[in-house]
Amino acid sequence: QAQLVESGGGLVQAGGSLRLSCTGSGRTISRYSMGWVRQAPGKEREFVAGINWDSRRSLYRDSVKGRFAISRDNAENTVYLTMNNLKPEDSAVYYCAAQRYPSGVIRYNLEDFGSWGQGTQVTVSS
């Protein structure tokens, strides 16, 4: 399985923007659909966004539609999450994840992800 490393988290005021990056090593992620998942304190992990291997399809949870954008650069083995108009309720640890099997389908059930990064903290102040 690929090792995934996230970066780009931090503290930002409400209305601000951040761009998270996730780079894979040890194995290419270019044939895998990828996702971003977040977990706020005291809450369960939740799917945020996903992208299929060739970037032709993406999927978002309703609360981030129009504000977040997922993208990828397969040549760099990297996936991005651009977050605009951030809200305090977006505060969480954000995890990058790769689906278990190469596929063109984007899955949002967490059990369908086989590789996870260590997470990066995003804090949005009001």
C-alpha atoms as a PDB file:
ATOM      1  CA  GLN A   1       0.000   0.000   0.000  1.00  0.00           C
ATOM      2  CA  ALA A   2       1.072   3.559  -0.585  1.00  0.00           C
ATOM      3  CA  GLN A   3       2.263   5.730   2.254  1.00  0.00           C
ATOM      4  CA  LEU A   4       0.358   9.004   2.279  1.00  0.00           C
ATOM      5  CA  VAL A   5       1.576  12.228   3.835  1.00  0.00           C
ATOM      6  CA  GLU A   6      -0.639  15.289   4.221  1.00  0.00           C
ATOM      7  CA  SER A   7       0.459  18.884   4.597  1.00  0.00           C
ATOM      8  CA  GLY A   8      -1.000  22.352   4.427  1.00  0.00           C
ATOM      9  CA  GLY A   9      -3.177  22.474   7.492  1.00  0.00           C
ATOM     10  CA  GLY A  10      -3.154  25.360   9.921  1.00  0.00           C
ATOM     11  CA  LEU A  11      -5.107  28.081  11.660  1.00  0.00           C
ATOM     12  CA  VAL A  12      -7.229  30.395   9.549  1.00  0.00           C
ATOM     13  CA  GLN A  13     -10.001  32.886  10.182  1.00  0.00           C
ATOM     14  CA  ALA A  14     -13.527  32.217   9.016  1.00  0.00           C
ATOM     15  CA  GLY A  15     -13.850  33.092   5.357  1.00  0.00           C
ATOM     16  CA  GLY A  16     -10.237  32.241   4.689  1.00  0.00           C
ATOM     17  CA  SER A  17      -8.679  29.577   2.506  1.00  0.00           C
ATOM     18  CA  LEU A  18      -6.279  26.682   2.813  1.00  0.00           C
ATOM     19  CA  ARG A  19      -4.870  24.147   0.386  1.00  0.00           C
ATOM     20  CA  LEU A  20      -4.101  20.679   1.641  1.00  0.00           C
ATOM     21  CA  SER A  21      -1.698  18.385  -0.164  1.00  0.00           C
ATOM     22  CA  CYS A  22      -1.321  14.624   0.016  1.00  0.00           C
ATOM     23  CA  THR A  23       1.696  12.943  -1.511  1.00  0.00           C
ATOM     24  CA  GLY A  24       2.014   9.220  -1.937  1.00  0.00           C
ATOM     25  CA  SER A  25       5.257   7.295  -1.707  1.00  0.00           C
ATOM     26  CA  GLY A  26       6.280   3.686  -2.043  1.00  0.00           C
ATOM     27  CA  ARG A  27       3.577   3.038  -4.596  1.00  0.00           C
ATOM     28  CA  THR A  28       1.849   5.071  -7.251  1.00  0.00           C
ATOM     29  CA  ILE A  29      -1.640   6.304  -6.453  1.00  0.00           C
ATOM     30  CA  SER A  30      -2.387   7.253 -10.018  1.00  0.00           C
ATOM     31  CA  ARG A  31      -4.782   4.349 -10.617  1.00  0.00           C
ATOM     32  CA  TYR A  32      -6.684   4.778  -7.375  1.00  0.00           C
ATOM     33  CA  SER A  33      -9.621   6.955  -6.581  1.00  0.00           C
ATOM     34  CA  MET A  34      -8.627   9.197  -3.702  1.00  0.00           C
ATOM     35  CA  GLY A  35     -10.516  10.934  -0.975  1.00  0.00           C
ATOM     36  CA  TRP A  36     -10.320  13.401   1.853  1.00  0.00           C
ATOM     37  CA  VAL A  37     -11.929  12.512   5.163  1.00  0.00           C
ATOM     38  CA  ARG A  38     -12.136  14.645   8.296  1.00  0.00           C
ATOM     39  CA  GLN A  39     -12.701  14.069  11.967  1.00  0.00           C
ATOM     40  CA  ALA A  40     -13.692  16.751  14.436  1.00  0.00           C
ATOM     41  CA  PRO A  41     -13.229  16.261  18.195  1.00  0.00           C
ATOM     42  CA  GLY A  42     -15.874  13.960  19.603  1.00  0.00           C
ATOM     43  CA  LYS A  43     -17.260  13.140  16.176  1.00  0.00           C
ATOM     44  CA  GLU A  44     -16.885  10.282  13.746  1.00  0.00           C
ATOM     45  CA  ARG A  45     -14.794  10.509  10.618  1.00  0.00           C
ATOM     46  CA  GLU A  46     -16.753  11.769   7.652  1.00  0.00           C
ATOM     47  CA  PHE A  47     -16.165  11.731   3.918  1.00  0.00           C
ATOM     48  CA  VAL A  48     -15.445  15.197   2.531  1.00  0.00           C
ATOM     49  CA  ALA A  49     -14.468  14.790  -1.122  1.00  0.00           C
ATOM     50  CA  GLY A  50     -13.307  12.190  -3.594  1.00  0.00           C
ATOM     51  CA  ILE A  51     -11.799  12.119  -7.055  1.00  0.00           C
ATOM     52  CA  ASN A  52     -11.400   9.271  -9.502  1.00  0.00           C
ATOM     53  CA  TRP A  53      -8.080   8.302 -11.018  1.00  0.00           C
ATOM     54  CA  ASP A  54      -8.247  10.465 -14.144  1.00  0.00           C
ATOM     55  CA  SER A  55      -9.923  13.478 -12.496  1.00  0.00           C
ATOM     56  CA  ARG A  56     -13.005  13.169 -14.657  1.00  0.00           C
ATOM     57  CA  ARG A  57     -15.294  12.694 -11.673  1.00  0.00           C
ATOM     58  CA  SER A  58     -15.454  14.143  -8.208  1.00  0.00           C
ATOM     59  CA  LEU A  59     -17.802  13.852  -5.277  1.00  0.00           C
ATOM     60  CA  TYR A  60     -18.418  16.157  -2.305  1.00  0.00           C
ATOM     61  CA  ARG A  61     -20.422  16.105   0.860  1.00  0.00           C
ATOM     62  CA  ASP A  62     -23.208  18.652   0.705  1.00  0.00           C
ATOM     63  CA  SER A  63     -21.814  20.983   3.348  1.00  0.00           C
ATOM     64  CA  VAL A  64     -18.634  21.698   1.338  1.00  0.00           C
ATOM     65  CA  LYS A  65     -20.050  21.874  -2.176  1.00  0.00           C
ATOM     66  CA  GLY A  66     -19.126  25.129  -3.854  1.00  0.00           C
ATOM     67  CA  ARG A  67     -16.411  25.841  -1.278  1.00  0.00           C
ATOM     68  CA  PHE A  68     -13.994  22.907  -1.537  1.00  0.00           C
ATOM     69  CA  ALA A  69     -12.331  21.506  -4.635  1.00  0.00           C
ATOM     70  CA  ILE A  70     -10.419  18.254  -4.914  1.00  0.00           C
ATOM     71  CA  SER A  71      -7.792  17.810  -7.596  1.00  0.00           C
ATOM     72  CA  ARG A  72      -4.816  15.618  -8.361  1.00  0.00           C
ATOM     73  CA  ASP A  73      -1.533  15.558 -10.219  1.00  0.00           C
ATOM     74  CA  ASN A  74      -0.718  11.951 -11.033  1.00  0.00           C
ATOM     75  CA  ALA A  75       2.726  12.853 -12.338  1.00  0.00           C
ATOM     76  CA  GLU A  76       3.513  14.174  -8.853  1.00  0.00           C
ATOM     77  CA  ASN A  77       1.595  11.393  -7.071  1.00  0.00           C
ATOM     78  CA  THR A  78      -0.265  14.125  -5.216  1.00  0.00           C
ATOM     79  CA  VAL A  79      -3.847  14.974  -4.373  1.00  0.00           C
ATOM     80  CA  TYR A  80      -5.040  18.390  -3.268  1.00  0.00           C
ATOM     81  CA  LEU A  81      -7.979  19.823  -1.391  1.00  0.00           C
ATOM     82  CA  THR A  82      -8.524  23.525  -1.902  1.00  0.00           C
ATOM     83  CA  MET A  83     -10.791  24.937   0.774  1.00  0.00           C
ATOM     84  CA  ASN A  84     -12.358  28.368   0.400  1.00  0.00           C
ATOM     85  CA  ASN A  85     -14.769  30.346   2.557  1.00  0.00           C
ATOM     86  CA  LEU A  86     -13.862  28.202   5.534  1.00  0.00           C
ATOM     87  CA  LYS A  87     -16.247  28.008   8.467  1.00  0.00           C
ATOM     88  CA  PRO A  88     -15.593  27.123  12.112  1.00  0.00           C
ATOM     89  CA  GLU A  89     -17.495  23.875  11.581  1.00  0.00           C
ATOM     90  CA  ASP A  90     -14.836  22.841   9.053  1.00  0.00           C
ATOM     91  CA  SER A  91     -12.316  22.567  11.889  1.00  0.00           C
ATOM     92  CA  ALA A  92     -11.058  18.994  12.067  1.00  0.00           C
ATOM     93  CA  VAL A  93      -8.155  16.719  11.356  1.00  0.00           C
ATOM     94  CA  TYR A  94      -8.159  16.082   7.626  1.00  0.00           C
ATOM     95  CA  TYR A  95      -6.996  12.727   6.322  1.00  0.00           C
ATOM     96  CA  CYS A  96      -6.047  11.718   2.821  1.00  0.00           C
ATOM     97  CA  ALA A  97      -7.040   8.205   1.829  1.00  0.00           C
ATOM     98  CA  ALA A  98      -6.660   5.878  -1.127  1.00  0.00           C
ATOM     99  CA  GLN A  99      -9.307   3.354  -2.058  1.00  0.00           C
ATOM    100  CA  ARG A 100      -8.408  -0.293  -1.592  1.00  0.00           C
ATOM    101  CA  TYR A 101      -8.466  -1.263  -5.248  1.00  0.00           C
ATOM    102  CA  PRO A 102      -7.769   0.549  -8.516  1.00  0.00           C
ATOM    103  CA  SER A 103     -11.092   1.739  -9.837  1.00  0.00           C
ATOM    104  CA  GLY A 104     -12.746   4.521 -11.723  1.00  0.00           C
ATOM    105  CA  VAL A 105     -15.524   4.621  -9.154  1.00  0.00           C
ATOM    106  CA  ILE A 106     -15.469   7.067  -6.257  1.00  0.00           C
ATOM    107  CA  ARG A 107     -16.625   5.448  -3.030  1.00  0.00           C
ATOM    108  CA  TYR A 108     -17.538   7.410   0.070  1.00  0.00           C
ATOM    109  CA  ASN A 109     -17.803   4.628   2.628  1.00  0.00           C
ATOM    110  CA  LEU A 110     -14.759   4.780   4.848  1.00  0.00           C
ATOM    111  CA  GLU A 111     -14.285   1.008   4.775  1.00  0.00           C
ATOM    112  CA  ASP A 112     -13.544   1.268   1.056  1.00  0.00           C
ATOM    113  CA  PHE A 113     -10.317   3.149   1.764  1.00  0.00           C
ATOM    114  CA  GLY A 114      -7.224   1.029   2.298  1.00  0.00           C
ATOM    115  CA  SER A 115      -4.416   3.538   2.867  1.00  0.00           C
ATOM    116  CA  TRP A 116      -4.551   6.550   5.146  1.00  0.00           C
ATOM    117  CA  GLY A 117      -2.281   9.451   5.917  1.00  0.00           C
ATOM    118  CA  GLN A 118      -1.502  10.645   9.409  1.00  0.00           C
ATOM    119  CA  GLY A 119      -3.777  13.674   9.136  1.00  0.00           C
ATOM    120  CA  THR A 120      -3.305  17.425   9.194  1.00  0.00           C
ATOM    121  CA  GLN A 121      -5.096  19.791  11.566  1.00  0.00           C
ATOM    122  CA  VAL A 122      -7.322  22.528  10.193  1.00  0.00           C
ATOM    123  CA  THR A 123      -8.627  25.087  12.666  1.00  0.00           C
ATOM    124  CA  VAL A 124     -11.001  27.838  11.624  1.00  0.00           C
ATOM    125  CA  SER A 125     -11.540  30.662  14.088  1.00  0.00           C
ATOM    126  CA  SER A 126     -14.723  32.697  14.173  1.00  0.00           C
END
